[in-house]
Amino acid sequence: MILATGASLLVLFSACEEKPPQAVEKPTPQTTNLETSRLGSAIDTYARTPSAENAADVDRAFAELGGEIAELDQQVTKVSGAEATEARTKADNLRTYRDKERLRYTEVQARVQTEKIQSGARDVGDKIEDAARKTGEGIKDAAGAVKDGVGDAVDSVKEKVND
């Protein structure tokens, strides 16, 4: 039973073999400001050290960039001419950057989750292998005990026959 389950899991996990990651390149903002710098740095930090705290920093940086975009959108409605065009261009550039960074962050999160799953699968595989080995050892021990028991019984019968 354990060996059948182990074989089933082995087939399942071999279907999840490693594929080369398709990393999304870090985008370069057309409009650079404090918010774009913070967002890029926060994602870089999360990619190096994925943690809940670093993920919260990324979320906060996205929110700050969203606030900057909203301010520019408001400015577009309050001004006209070249000022409005400039504000609209900056807002559009920041949106494009935000969207590319969102894609990169999503890819990093997916990679982190994939690594966790692969690590868990390896742990399960190791545990199944240990259980199968222990079961095999138990079967050997039981077979040895049965063999010894049968040998003792045969010896006993031989003694009775010779008597």
Protein backbone atom coordinates (compact mmCIF):
# COMPACT_ATOMS: atom_id res chain seq x y z
CA MET A 1 0.00 0.00 0.00
CA ILE A 2 2.74 2.45 0.98
CA LEU A 3 4.79 1.51 -2.04
CA ALA A 4 1.78 2.02 -4.34
CA THR A 5 1.13 5.43 -2.79
CA GLY A 6 4.81 6.29 -3.09
CA ALA A 7 4.84 5.28 -6.74
CA SER A 8 1.72 7.39 -7.40
CA LEU A 9 3.26 10.43 -5.75
CA LEU A 10 6.51 9.88 -7.62
CA VAL A 11 4.62 10.00 -10.93
CA LEU A 12 2.70 13.09 -9.77
CA PHE A 13 5.80 14.99 -8.69
CA SER A 14 7.80 14.03 -11.76
CA ALA A 15 5.12 15.81 -13.79
CA CYS A 16 6.07 18.95 -11.85
CA GLU A 17 9.66 18.86 -13.02
CA GLU A 18 11.65 22.06 -12.95
CA LYS A 19 11.33 24.34 -15.92
CA PRO A 20 13.65 27.28 -16.42
CA PRO A 21 12.15 30.44 -14.92
CA GLN A 22 11.03 33.10 -17.34
CA ALA A 23 12.11 36.17 -15.43
CA VAL A 24 10.43 39.45 -16.20
CA GLU A 25 13.08 42.10 -16.65
CA LYS A 26 13.21 45.05 -14.31
CA PRO A 27 11.59 47.97 -16.14
CA THR A 28 13.17 51.40 -16.44
CA PRO A 29 10.71 54.21 -15.69
CA GLN A 30 10.31 56.92 -18.33
CA THR A 31 9.43 59.28 -15.50
CA THR A 32 11.65 58.83 -12.47
CA ASN A 33 10.64 60.01 -9.01
CA LEU A 34 10.86 58.94 -5.38
CA GLU A 35 7.89 56.56 -5.74
CA THR A 36 9.35 54.70 -8.75
CA SER A 37 12.68 54.33 -6.94
CA ARG A 38 11.00 52.99 -3.81
CA LEU A 39 8.87 50.53 -5.76
CA GLY A 40 11.79 49.14 -7.76
CA SER A 41 13.89 48.79 -4.60
CA ALA A 42 11.07 47.15 -2.65
CA ILE A 43 10.54 44.51 -5.36
CA ASP A 44 14.30 43.89 -5.59
CA THR A 45 14.43 43.38 -1.82
CA TYR A 46 11.44 41.01 -1.88
CA ALA A 47 13.04 39.03 -4.73
CA ARG A 48 16.22 38.58 -2.68
CA THR A 49 14.47 37.94 0.64
CA PRO A 50 10.81 37.02 0.32
CA SER A 51 9.01 37.71 3.58
CA ALA A 52 5.68 39.10 4.75
CA GLU A 53 7.41 42.32 5.83
CA ASN A 54 9.05 42.81 2.44
CA ALA A 55 5.77 42.02 0.67
CA ALA A 56 4.09 44.71 2.78
CA ASP A 57 6.80 47.16 1.72
CA VAL A 58 6.06 46.36 -1.93
CA ASP A 59 2.32 46.85 -1.38
CA ARG A 60 2.99 50.17 0.34
CA ALA A 61 5.24 51.30 -2.54
CA PHE A 62 2.51 50.40 -5.06
CA ALA A 63 0.02 52.44 -3.02
CA GLU A 64 2.37 55.44 -2.90
CA LEU A 65 2.89 55.29 -6.66
CA GLY A 66 -0.88 55.01 -7.12
CA GLY A 67 -1.29 58.15 -5.00
CA GLU A 68 1.21 60.02 -7.19
CA ILE A 69 -0.69 58.95 -10.32
CA ALA A 70 -3.97 60.13 -8.77
CA GLU A 71 -2.43 63.52 -7.95
CA LEU A 72 -1.27 63.91 -11.54
CA ASP A 73 -4.72 62.92 -12.83
CA GLN A 74 -6.26 65.62 -10.63
CA GLN A 75 -3.72 68.14 -11.87
CA VAL A 76 -4.72 67.35 -15.47
CA THR A 77 -8.31 68.38 -14.68
CA LYS A 78 -7.26 71.63 -12.99
CA VAL A 79 -4.80 72.97 -15.57
CA SER A 80 -4.72 73.27 -19.33
CA GLY A 81 -2.33 73.44 -22.24
CA ALA A 82 1.27 72.34 -21.83
CA GLU A 83 0.88 71.83 -18.07
CA ALA A 84 -2.01 69.41 -18.59
CA THR A 85 -0.11 67.59 -21.32
CA GLU A 86 2.96 67.25 -19.12
CA ALA A 87 0.92 65.96 -16.15
CA ARG A 88 -0.95 63.50 -18.40
CA THR A 89 2.34 62.23 -19.90
CA LYS A 90 3.87 61.76 -16.44
CA ALA A 91 0.75 59.94 -15.20
CA ASP A 92 0.73 57.67 -18.27
CA ASN A 93 4.45 56.92 -17.87
CA LEU A 94 3.95 56.10 -14.19
CA ARG A 95 0.98 53.83 -15.02
CA THR A 96 3.07 51.97 -17.60
CA TYR A 97 5.91 51.57 -15.10
CA ARG A 98 3.50 50.45 -12.35
CA ASP A 99 1.96 47.84 -14.64
CA LYS A 100 5.36 46.46 -15.65
CA GLU A 101 6.48 46.34 -12.02
CA ARG A 102 3.21 44.61 -11.07
CA LEU A 103 4.00 41.95 -13.67
CA ARG A 104 7.54 41.56 -12.34
CA TYR A 105 6.32 41.34 -8.74
CA THR A 106 3.71 38.74 -9.69
CA GLU A 107 6.42 36.69 -11.41
CA VAL A 108 8.65 36.90 -8.32
CA GLN A 109 5.75 35.82 -6.09
CA ALA A 110 5.00 32.89 -8.40
CA ARG A 111 8.65 31.83 -8.34
CA VAL A 112 8.72 31.99 -4.54
CA GLN A 113 5.58 29.84 -4.31
CA THR A 114 6.95 27.36 -6.86
CA GLU A 115 10.14 27.01 -4.84
CA LYS A 116 8.09 26.35 -1.69
CA ILE A 117 6.02 23.70 -3.49
CA GLN A 118 9.11 22.02 -4.93
CA SER A 119 10.74 22.00 -1.51
CA GLY A 120 7.61 20.46 0.01
CA ALA A 121 7.46 17.88 -2.76
CA ARG A 122 11.07 16.91 -2.10
CA ASP A 123 10.28 16.58 1.63
CA VAL A 124 7.28 14.36 0.88
CA GLY A 125 9.38 12.26 -1.51
CA ASP A 126 12.08 11.85 1.13
CA LYS A 127 9.50 10.81 3.73
CA ILE A 128 7.94 8.27 1.35
CA GLU A 129 11.37 6.88 0.56
CA ASP A 130 12.18 6.57 4.28
CA ALA A 131 8.82 4.89 4.96
CA ALA A 132 9.35 2.43 2.09
CA ARG A 133 12.86 1.64 3.30
CA LYS A 134 11.60 1.09 6.87
CA THR A 135 8.75 -1.06 5.56
CA GLY A 136 11.24 -3.10 3.53
CA GLU A 137 13.44 -3.50 6.59
CA GLY A 138 10.39 -4.53 8.63
CA ILE A 139 9.45 -7.12 6.04
CA LYS A 140 13.00 -8.48 6.07
CA ASP A 141 12.93 -8.67 9.87
CA ALA A 142 9.54 -10.38 9.80
CA ALA A 143 10.72 -12.84 7.15
CA GLY A 144 13.78 -13.58 9.26
CA ALA A 145 11.60 -14.18 12.32
CA VAL A 146 9.30 -16.47 10.32
CA LYS A 147 12.30 -18.34 8.95
CA ASP A 148 13.73 -18.75 12.45
CA GLY A 149 10.33 -19.88 13.75
CA VAL A 150 9.91 -22.40 10.96
CA GLY A 151 13.47 -23.62 11.51
CA ASP A 152 12.79 -24.10 15.23
CA ALA A 153 9.54 -25.94 14.43
CA VAL A 154 11.32 -28.23 11.96
CA ASP A 155 14.05 -28.93 14.52
CA SER A 156 11.39 -29.74 17.10
CA VAL A 157 9.63 -32.12 14.73
CA LYS A 158 12.94 -33.81 13.87
CA GLU A 159 13.70 -34.33 17.56
CA LYS A 160 10.29 -35.90 18.12
CA VAL A 161 10.68 -38.15 15.08
CA ASN A 162 14.15 -39.29 16.19
CA ASP A 163 12.98 -40.04 19.69
